[in-house]
Amino acid sequence: MVRKNMRYRRQHMLGEAMIFSHRIENDICVVAVEGNIALDGVNEAKAYLKPHMENPDIKGIVINFEKVNFIDSSGIGLIVSIFKSVQQKEGRFAITNLSAKNEEIFTITRLNKILDIFPTESEAMASIKG
């Protein structure tokens, strides 16, 4: 048990904080994430994204992974939660710019079969606009 706590602390201390920025473009919220999408930042991410997910004027959300180094199981849970929330209000959701490592995670979890994943932000925007 001591080892688990030490390992968690080490990961937490070495973990990179998530940095968010967003813009609204044609009723679509484009969120850029930088750093690691991991356990220690999931609640912060939910708090940041909640107003955008609940905004009735927002018809879709695009998350740009261009500067995401790593995503863990908590981060995957966050993505699924965002997807479900957007889907419930009949909005659109897409992910862009996955690194090869992060793309592999989405493939292993089979989320690539459920989520709309695009190589570029412009392709995601075009798809959501219809």
C-alpha atoms as a PDB file:
ATOM      1  CA  MET A   1       0.000   0.000   0.000  1.00  0.00           C
ATOM      2  CA  VAL A   2       2.817   2.408   0.728  1.00  0.00           C
ATOM      3  CA  ARG A   3       4.236   1.837  -2.733  1.00  0.00           C
ATOM      4  CA  LYS A   4       0.942   2.705  -4.388  1.00  0.00           C
ATOM      5  CA  ASN A   5       0.755   6.003  -2.506  1.00  0.00           C
ATOM      6  CA  MET A   6       4.368   6.832  -3.352  1.00  0.00           C
ATOM      7  CA  ARG A   7       3.815   6.020  -7.024  1.00  0.00           C
ATOM      8  CA  TYR A   8       0.687   8.178  -7.147  1.00  0.00           C
ATOM      9  CA  ARG A   9       2.491  11.067  -5.510  1.00  0.00           C
ATOM     10  CA  ARG A  10       5.377  10.752  -7.911  1.00  0.00           C
ATOM     11  CA  GLN A  11       3.063  10.761 -10.905  1.00  0.00           C
ATOM     12  CA  HIS A  12       1.133  13.674  -9.462  1.00  0.00           C
ATOM     13  CA  MET A  13       4.282  15.655  -8.757  1.00  0.00           C
ATOM     14  CA  LEU A  14       5.684  14.948 -12.205  1.00  0.00           C
ATOM     15  CA  GLY A  15       2.331  15.378 -13.891  1.00  0.00           C
ATOM     16  CA  GLU A  16       1.869  18.300 -16.200  1.00  0.00           C
ATOM     17  CA  ALA A  17      -1.073  20.578 -15.494  1.00  0.00           C
ATOM     18  CA  MET A  18      -3.784  20.890 -18.097  1.00  0.00           C
ATOM     19  CA  ILE A  19      -4.135  24.276 -19.718  1.00  0.00           C
ATOM     20  CA  PHE A  20      -7.366  25.128 -21.508  1.00  0.00           C
ATOM     21  CA  SER A  21      -8.318  27.765 -23.992  1.00  0.00           C
ATOM     22  CA  HIS A  22     -11.398  28.043 -26.155  1.00  0.00           C
ATOM     23  CA  ARG A  23     -13.081  30.057 -28.826  1.00  0.00           C
ATOM     24  CA  ILE A  24     -16.634  30.058 -30.142  1.00  0.00           C
ATOM     25  CA  GLU A  25     -16.934  29.851 -33.910  1.00  0.00           C
ATOM     26  CA  ASN A  26     -20.294  29.478 -35.675  1.00  0.00           C
ATOM     27  CA  ASP A  27     -22.022  28.030 -32.569  1.00  0.00           C
ATOM     28  CA  ILE A  28     -19.163  25.544 -32.081  1.00  0.00           C
ATOM     29  CA  CYS A  29     -16.908  25.664 -29.044  1.00  0.00           C
ATOM     30  CA  VAL A  30     -13.349  24.744 -29.962  1.00  0.00           C
ATOM     31  CA  VAL A  31     -11.352  23.760 -26.886  1.00  0.00           C
ATOM     32  CA  ALA A  32      -7.576  23.468 -27.030  1.00  0.00           C
ATOM     33  CA  VAL A  33      -6.013  21.360 -24.293  1.00  0.00           C
ATOM     34  CA  GLU A  34      -2.347  21.417 -23.401  1.00  0.00           C
ATOM     35  CA  GLY A  35      -0.559  18.960 -21.120  1.00  0.00           C
ATOM     36  CA  ASN A  36      -1.783  15.658 -19.711  1.00  0.00           C
ATOM     37  CA  ILE A  37      -5.459  14.732 -19.420  1.00  0.00           C
ATOM     38  CA  ALA A  38      -5.143  12.773 -16.211  1.00  0.00           C
ATOM     39  CA  LEU A  39      -6.784  12.116 -12.850  1.00  0.00           C
ATOM     40  CA  ASP A  40      -5.394  15.172 -11.097  1.00  0.00           C
ATOM     41  CA  GLY A  41      -7.003  17.555 -13.612  1.00  0.00           C
ATOM     42  CA  VAL A  42     -10.313  15.921 -14.516  1.00  0.00           C
ATOM     43  CA  ASN A  43     -12.442  17.881 -12.028  1.00  0.00           C
ATOM     44  CA  GLU A  44     -10.819  21.105 -13.179  1.00  0.00           C
ATOM     45  CA  ALA A  45     -11.562  20.156 -16.790  1.00  0.00           C
ATOM     46  CA  LYS A  46     -15.212  19.390 -16.004  1.00  0.00           C
ATOM     47  CA  ALA A  47     -15.606  22.761 -14.282  1.00  0.00           C
ATOM     48  CA  TYR A  48     -14.044  24.549 -17.268  1.00  0.00           C
ATOM     49  CA  LEU A  49     -16.160  22.729 -19.861  1.00  0.00           C
ATOM     50  CA  LYS A  50     -19.496  22.628 -18.012  1.00  0.00           C
ATOM     51  CA  PRO A  51     -20.711  26.128 -18.995  1.00  0.00           C
ATOM     52  CA  HIS A  52     -19.957  25.387 -22.661  1.00  0.00           C
ATOM     53  CA  MET A  53     -21.700  22.015 -22.582  1.00  0.00           C
ATOM     54  CA  GLU A  54     -24.770  23.560 -20.942  1.00  0.00           C
ATOM     55  CA  ASN A  55     -24.910  26.628 -23.181  1.00  0.00           C
ATOM     56  CA  PRO A  56     -27.974  26.202 -25.438  1.00  0.00           C
ATOM     57  CA  ASP A  57     -26.340  28.346 -28.133  1.00  0.00           C
ATOM     58  CA  ILE A  58     -23.443  25.895 -28.502  1.00  0.00           C
ATOM     59  CA  LYS A  59     -24.314  23.267 -31.123  1.00  0.00           C
ATOM     60  CA  GLY A  60     -21.042  21.358 -30.997  1.00  0.00           C
ATOM     61  CA  ILE A  61     -17.751  20.918 -29.187  1.00  0.00           C
ATOM     62  CA  VAL A  62     -14.396  20.200 -30.800  1.00  0.00           C
ATOM     63  CA  ILE A  63     -11.489  19.225 -28.573  1.00  0.00           C
ATOM     64  CA  ASN A  64      -8.078  19.824 -30.073  1.00  0.00           C
ATOM     65  CA  PHE A  65      -5.502  17.326 -28.770  1.00  0.00           C
ATOM     66  CA  GLU A  66      -2.565  18.856 -30.637  1.00  0.00           C
ATOM     67  CA  LYS A  67      -0.686  19.679 -27.411  1.00  0.00           C
ATOM     68  CA  VAL A  68      -1.917  16.751 -25.296  1.00  0.00           C
ATOM     69  CA  ASN A  69       0.999  14.571 -24.254  1.00  0.00           C
ATOM     70  CA  PHE A  70      -0.907  11.836 -22.459  1.00  0.00           C
ATOM     71  CA  ILE A  71      -4.409  10.725 -21.545  1.00  0.00           C
ATOM     72  CA  ASP A  72      -5.141   8.224 -18.763  1.00  0.00           C
ATOM     73  CA  SER A  73      -8.312   6.281 -17.923  1.00  0.00           C
ATOM     74  CA  SER A  74      -9.744   9.248 -16.012  1.00  0.00           C
ATOM     75  CA  GLY A  75      -9.187  11.404 -19.078  1.00  0.00           C
ATOM     76  CA  ILE A  76     -10.943   8.813 -21.233  1.00  0.00           C
ATOM     77  CA  GLY A  77     -13.846   8.923 -18.777  1.00  0.00           C
ATOM     78  CA  LEU A  78     -13.902  12.709 -19.113  1.00  0.00           C
ATOM     79  CA  ILE A  79     -14.067  12.493 -22.915  1.00  0.00           C
ATOM     80  CA  VAL A  80     -16.916   9.958 -22.751  1.00  0.00           C
ATOM     81  CA  SER A  81     -18.753  12.171 -20.254  1.00  0.00           C
ATOM     82  CA  ILE A  82     -18.426  15.219 -22.526  1.00  0.00           C
ATOM     83  CA  PHE A  83     -19.554  13.166 -25.527  1.00  0.00           C
ATOM     84  CA  LYS A  84     -22.638  11.909 -23.680  1.00  0.00           C
ATOM     85  CA  SER A  85     -23.558  15.391 -22.429  1.00  0.00           C
ATOM     86  CA  VAL A  86     -23.254  16.916 -25.882  1.00  0.00           C
ATOM     87  CA  GLN A  87     -25.156  14.016 -27.440  1.00  0.00           C
ATOM     88  CA  GLN A  88     -28.021  14.370 -24.931  1.00  0.00           C
ATOM     89  CA  LYS A  89     -28.636  17.910 -26.106  1.00  0.00           C
ATOM     90  CA  GLU A  90     -28.410  16.687 -29.714  1.00  0.00           C
ATOM     91  CA  GLY A  91     -25.123  18.475 -30.282  1.00  0.00           C
ATOM     92  CA  ARG A  92     -22.062  17.310 -32.164  1.00  0.00           C
ATOM     93  CA  PHE A  93     -18.712  16.334 -30.692  1.00  0.00           C
ATOM     94  CA  ALA A  94     -15.340  15.789 -32.321  1.00  0.00           C
ATOM     95  CA  ILE A  95     -11.697  15.304 -31.424  1.00  0.00           C
ATOM     96  CA  THR A  96      -8.790  16.493 -33.547  1.00  0.00           C
ATOM     97  CA  ASN A  97      -5.036  16.259 -33.838  1.00  0.00           C
ATOM     98  CA  LEU A  98      -4.403  13.044 -31.910  1.00  0.00           C
ATOM     99  CA  SER A  99      -0.773  12.043 -31.612  1.00  0.00           C
ATOM    100  CA  ALA A 100       0.063   8.477 -32.644  1.00  0.00           C
ATOM    101  CA  LYS A 101       0.265   7.477 -28.973  1.00  0.00           C
ATOM    102  CA  ASN A 102      -3.108   9.009 -28.096  1.00  0.00           C
ATOM    103  CA  GLU A 103      -4.673   7.617 -31.271  1.00  0.00           C
ATOM    104  CA  GLU A 104      -3.556   4.167 -30.150  1.00  0.00           C
ATOM    105  CA  ILE A 105      -5.319   4.668 -26.800  1.00  0.00           C
ATOM    106  CA  PHE A 106      -8.559   5.619 -28.583  1.00  0.00           C
ATOM    107  CA  THR A 107      -8.188   2.548 -30.809  1.00  0.00           C
ATOM    108  CA  ILE A 108      -7.513   0.150 -27.921  1.00  0.00           C
ATOM    109  CA  THR A 109     -10.548   1.481 -26.045  1.00  0.00           C
ATOM    110  CA  ARG A 110     -12.551   1.343 -29.311  1.00  0.00           C
ATOM    111  CA  LEU A 111     -13.625   4.943 -28.833  1.00  0.00           C
ATOM    112  CA  ASN A 112     -12.471   5.562 -32.378  1.00  0.00           C
ATOM    113  CA  LYS A 113     -15.581   3.591 -33.431  1.00  0.00           C
ATOM    114  CA  ILE A 114     -17.909   5.854 -31.423  1.00  0.00           C
ATOM    115  CA  LEU A 115     -16.339   9.303 -31.537  1.00  0.00           C
ATOM    116  CA  ASP A 116     -15.749  11.504 -34.554  1.00  0.00           C
ATOM    117  CA  ILE A 117     -11.971  11.863 -34.756  1.00  0.00           C
ATOM    118  CA  PHE A 118     -10.362  14.076 -37.392  1.00  0.00           C
ATOM    119  CA  PRO A 119      -6.751  14.755 -38.336  1.00  0.00           C
ATOM    120  CA  THR A 120      -7.292  18.530 -38.326  1.00  0.00           C
ATOM    121  CA  GLU A 121      -9.469  21.083 -36.625  1.00  0.00           C
ATOM    122  CA  SER A 122     -10.725  22.423 -39.950  1.00  0.00           C
ATOM    123  CA  GLU A 123     -11.971  18.956 -40.980  1.00  0.00           C
ATOM    124  CA  ALA A 124     -13.796  18.582 -37.660  1.00  0.00           C
ATOM    125  CA  MET A 125     -15.365  22.027 -38.026  1.00  0.00           C
ATOM    126  CA  ALA A 126     -16.504  21.261 -41.565  1.00  0.00           C
ATOM    127  CA  SER A 127     -18.072  17.987 -40.444  1.00  0.00           C
ATOM    128  CA  ILE A 128     -19.925  19.551 -37.523  1.00  0.00           C
ATOM    129  CA  LYS A 129     -21.211  22.445 -39.614  1.00  0.00           C
ATOM    130  CA  GLY A 130     -22.689  19.824 -41.923  1.00  0.00           C
END
